[in-house]
Amino acid sequence: MSTVKTFKVTLVKSLIGCKANHRLCARGLGLRRLGHSVDVADTPANRGMARKIAYLLKTEG
C-alpha cells in the first residue's frame, strides 16, 4: 500500500463558457464530464490547479 496523500475532486459545474486554460486544468486533474470524481495526488501542482478552478469543483480530503 502506498503512502501517497490524495484528495478527491468532483466536477460540479459545466466547463462550457469557461476560459480555455481552466478547461485544461480540469483535464490535467483527470476530470472528463460533469459529476466525474477522481482521486489526485496531493502535490503543489494539483493543489494549484484545483484552487484555480475551485468555482467548478467540490473537493474532499
N, C-alpha and C. Protein backbone atom coordinates (compact mmCIF):
# COMPACT_ATOMS: atom_id res chain seq x y z
N MET A 1 0.84 -1.18 0.00
CA MET A 1 0.00 0.00 0.00
C MET A 1 0.88 1.23 0.00
N SER A 2 0.63 2.16 -0.90
CA SER A 2 1.45 3.37 -0.96
C SER A 2 0.96 4.39 0.07
N THR A 3 1.86 5.27 0.44
CA THR A 3 1.54 6.28 1.45
C THR A 3 1.38 7.67 0.82
N VAL A 4 1.05 7.71 -0.46
CA VAL A 4 0.87 8.99 -1.15
C VAL A 4 -0.45 9.60 -0.71
N LYS A 5 -0.40 10.85 -0.25
CA LYS A 5 -1.62 11.54 0.14
C LYS A 5 -2.41 11.90 -1.10
N THR A 6 -3.72 11.81 -1.01
CA THR A 6 -4.58 12.17 -2.13
C THR A 6 -5.74 13.02 -1.63
N PHE A 7 -6.40 13.68 -2.57
CA PHE A 7 -7.66 14.34 -2.28
C PHE A 7 -8.59 14.11 -3.45
N LYS A 8 -9.87 14.16 -3.18
CA LYS A 8 -10.88 13.84 -4.18
C LYS A 8 -11.47 15.13 -4.74
N VAL A 9 -11.56 15.22 -6.06
CA VAL A 9 -12.19 16.37 -6.71
C VAL A 9 -13.33 15.87 -7.58
N THR A 10 -14.42 16.64 -7.60
CA THR A 10 -15.59 16.31 -8.40
C THR A 10 -15.98 17.55 -9.19
N LEU A 11 -16.21 17.37 -10.48
CA LEU A 11 -16.64 18.48 -11.33
C LEU A 11 -18.15 18.68 -11.13
N VAL A 12 -18.55 19.84 -10.60
CA VAL A 12 -19.96 20.08 -10.30
C VAL A 12 -20.58 21.16 -11.17
N LYS A 13 -19.75 21.91 -11.92
CA LYS A 13 -20.27 22.90 -12.85
C LYS A 13 -19.69 22.63 -14.23
N SER A 14 -20.42 23.02 -15.25
CA SER A 14 -20.03 22.74 -16.62
C SER A 14 -18.81 23.56 -17.04
N LEU A 15 -18.02 22.97 -17.93
CA LEU A 15 -16.85 23.65 -18.49
C LEU A 15 -17.23 24.55 -19.66
N ILE A 16 -18.48 24.46 -20.12
CA ILE A 16 -18.93 25.28 -21.24
C ILE A 16 -18.94 26.75 -20.80
N GLY A 17 -18.30 27.58 -21.57
CA GLY A 17 -18.30 29.01 -21.29
C GLY A 17 -17.18 29.47 -20.37
N CYS A 18 -16.37 28.55 -19.86
CA CYS A 18 -15.26 28.99 -19.01
C CYS A 18 -14.00 29.15 -19.87
N LYS A 19 -12.98 29.73 -19.28
CA LYS A 19 -11.75 30.01 -20.01
C LYS A 19 -11.07 28.72 -20.45
N ALA A 20 -10.35 28.82 -21.56
CA ALA A 20 -9.69 27.64 -22.13
C ALA A 20 -8.65 27.07 -21.16
N ASN A 21 -7.91 27.94 -20.46
CA ASN A 21 -6.91 27.39 -19.54
C ASN A 21 -7.55 26.75 -18.31
N HIS A 22 -8.78 27.14 -17.97
CA HIS A 22 -9.50 26.47 -16.89
C HIS A 22 -9.95 25.08 -17.34
N ARG A 23 -10.34 24.95 -18.60
CA ARG A 23 -10.68 23.64 -19.14
C ARG A 23 -9.47 22.71 -19.11
N LEU A 24 -8.30 23.28 -19.44
CA LEU A 24 -7.08 22.48 -19.43
C LEU A 24 -6.71 22.04 -18.02
N CYS A 25 -6.97 22.87 -17.02
CA CYS A 25 -6.74 22.48 -15.62
C CYS A 25 -7.63 21.30 -15.25
N ALA A 26 -8.88 21.34 -15.67
CA ALA A 26 -9.80 20.24 -15.37
C ALA A 26 -9.31 18.95 -16.02
N ARG A 27 -8.85 19.04 -17.26
CA ARG A 27 -8.32 17.85 -17.94
C ARG A 27 -7.05 17.37 -17.27
N GLY A 28 -6.22 18.31 -16.81
CA GLY A 28 -4.99 17.95 -16.12
C GLY A 28 -5.25 17.21 -14.83
N LEU A 29 -6.35 17.53 -14.17
CA LEU A 29 -6.73 16.82 -12.96
C LEU A 29 -7.40 15.49 -13.27
N GLY A 30 -7.73 15.23 -14.53
CA GLY A 30 -8.34 13.96 -14.92
C GLY A 30 -9.85 13.99 -14.98
N LEU A 31 -10.45 15.19 -14.91
CA LEU A 31 -11.91 15.31 -14.94
C LEU A 31 -12.39 15.36 -16.38
N ARG A 32 -13.39 14.55 -16.70
CA ARG A 32 -13.84 14.44 -18.08
C ARG A 32 -15.25 14.99 -18.31
N ARG A 33 -16.13 14.82 -17.35
CA ARG A 33 -17.53 15.22 -17.56
C ARG A 33 -18.13 15.67 -16.24
N LEU A 34 -19.29 16.27 -16.32
CA LEU A 34 -19.99 16.75 -15.15
C LEU A 34 -20.31 15.59 -14.21
N GLY A 35 -20.00 15.75 -12.94
CA GLY A 35 -20.25 14.71 -11.96
C GLY A 35 -19.13 13.70 -11.82
N HIS A 36 -18.10 13.81 -12.64
CA HIS A 36 -16.98 12.88 -12.61
C HIS A 36 -16.09 13.19 -11.41
N SER A 37 -15.67 12.18 -10.67
CA SER A 37 -14.80 12.32 -9.50
C SER A 37 -13.51 11.55 -9.71
N VAL A 38 -12.41 12.12 -9.23
CA VAL A 38 -11.12 11.44 -9.28
C VAL A 38 -10.35 11.72 -8.00
N ASP A 39 -9.50 10.79 -7.62
CA ASP A 39 -8.55 10.99 -6.53
C ASP A 39 -7.23 11.39 -7.16
N VAL A 40 -6.70 12.55 -6.76
CA VAL A 40 -5.44 13.04 -7.30
C VAL A 40 -4.43 13.15 -6.17
N ALA A 41 -3.16 13.02 -6.53
CA ALA A 41 -2.07 13.14 -5.55
C ALA A 41 -2.05 14.56 -4.99
N ASP A 42 -1.78 14.67 -3.71
CA ASP A 42 -1.75 15.97 -3.04
C ASP A 42 -0.38 16.61 -3.24
N THR A 43 -0.18 17.17 -4.44
CA THR A 43 1.06 17.86 -4.77
C THR A 43 0.77 19.34 -4.95
N PRO A 44 1.78 20.20 -4.87
CA PRO A 44 1.54 21.64 -5.08
C PRO A 44 0.94 21.94 -6.45
N ALA A 45 1.33 21.20 -7.48
CA ALA A 45 0.80 21.45 -8.82
C ALA A 45 -0.70 21.14 -8.88
N ASN A 46 -1.09 19.99 -8.34
CA ASN A 46 -2.50 19.61 -8.35
C ASN A 46 -3.33 20.53 -7.47
N ARG A 47 -2.77 20.93 -6.31
CA ARG A 47 -3.49 21.86 -5.45
C ARG A 47 -3.71 23.19 -6.14
N GLY A 48 -2.69 23.65 -6.89
CA GLY A 48 -2.81 24.91 -7.62
C GLY A 48 -3.87 24.85 -8.70
N MET A 49 -3.94 23.73 -9.44
CA MET A 49 -4.96 23.58 -10.47
C MET A 49 -6.35 23.55 -9.85
N ALA A 50 -6.48 22.84 -8.73
CA ALA A 50 -7.78 22.76 -8.05
C ALA A 50 -8.20 24.13 -7.53
N ARG A 51 -7.26 24.89 -7.02
CA ARG A 51 -7.56 26.22 -6.49
C ARG A 51 -7.98 27.17 -7.62
N LYS A 52 -7.34 27.02 -8.77
CA LYS A 52 -7.64 27.90 -9.91
C LYS A 52 -9.07 27.70 -10.41
N ILE A 53 -9.57 26.47 -10.36
CA ILE A 53 -10.91 26.20 -10.85
C ILE A 53 -11.84 25.77 -9.71
N ALA A 54 -11.60 26.31 -8.54
CA ALA A 54 -12.39 25.95 -7.35
C ALA A 54 -13.87 26.24 -7.53
N TYR A 55 -14.21 27.21 -8.36
CA TYR A 55 -15.62 27.55 -8.58
C TYR A 55 -16.34 26.48 -9.40
N LEU A 56 -15.61 25.54 -9.99
CA LEU A 56 -16.18 24.46 -10.78
C LEU A 56 -16.19 23.13 -10.02
N LEU A 57 -15.49 23.07 -8.90
CA LEU A 57 -15.22 21.80 -8.24
C LEU A 57 -15.83 21.71 -6.85
N LYS A 58 -15.92 20.45 -6.39
CA LYS A 58 -16.14 20.13 -4.99
C LYS A 58 -14.95 19.29 -4.57
N THR A 59 -14.25 19.69 -3.53
CA THR A 59 -13.07 18.94 -3.09
C THR A 59 -13.32 18.32 -1.73
N GLU A 60 -12.71 17.16 -1.51
CA GLU A 60 -12.83 16.44 -0.24
C GLU A 60 -11.45 15.91 0.14
N GLY A 61 -11.15 15.95 1.40
CA GLY A 61 -9.94 15.34 1.93
C GLY A 61 -8.75 16.16 1.68
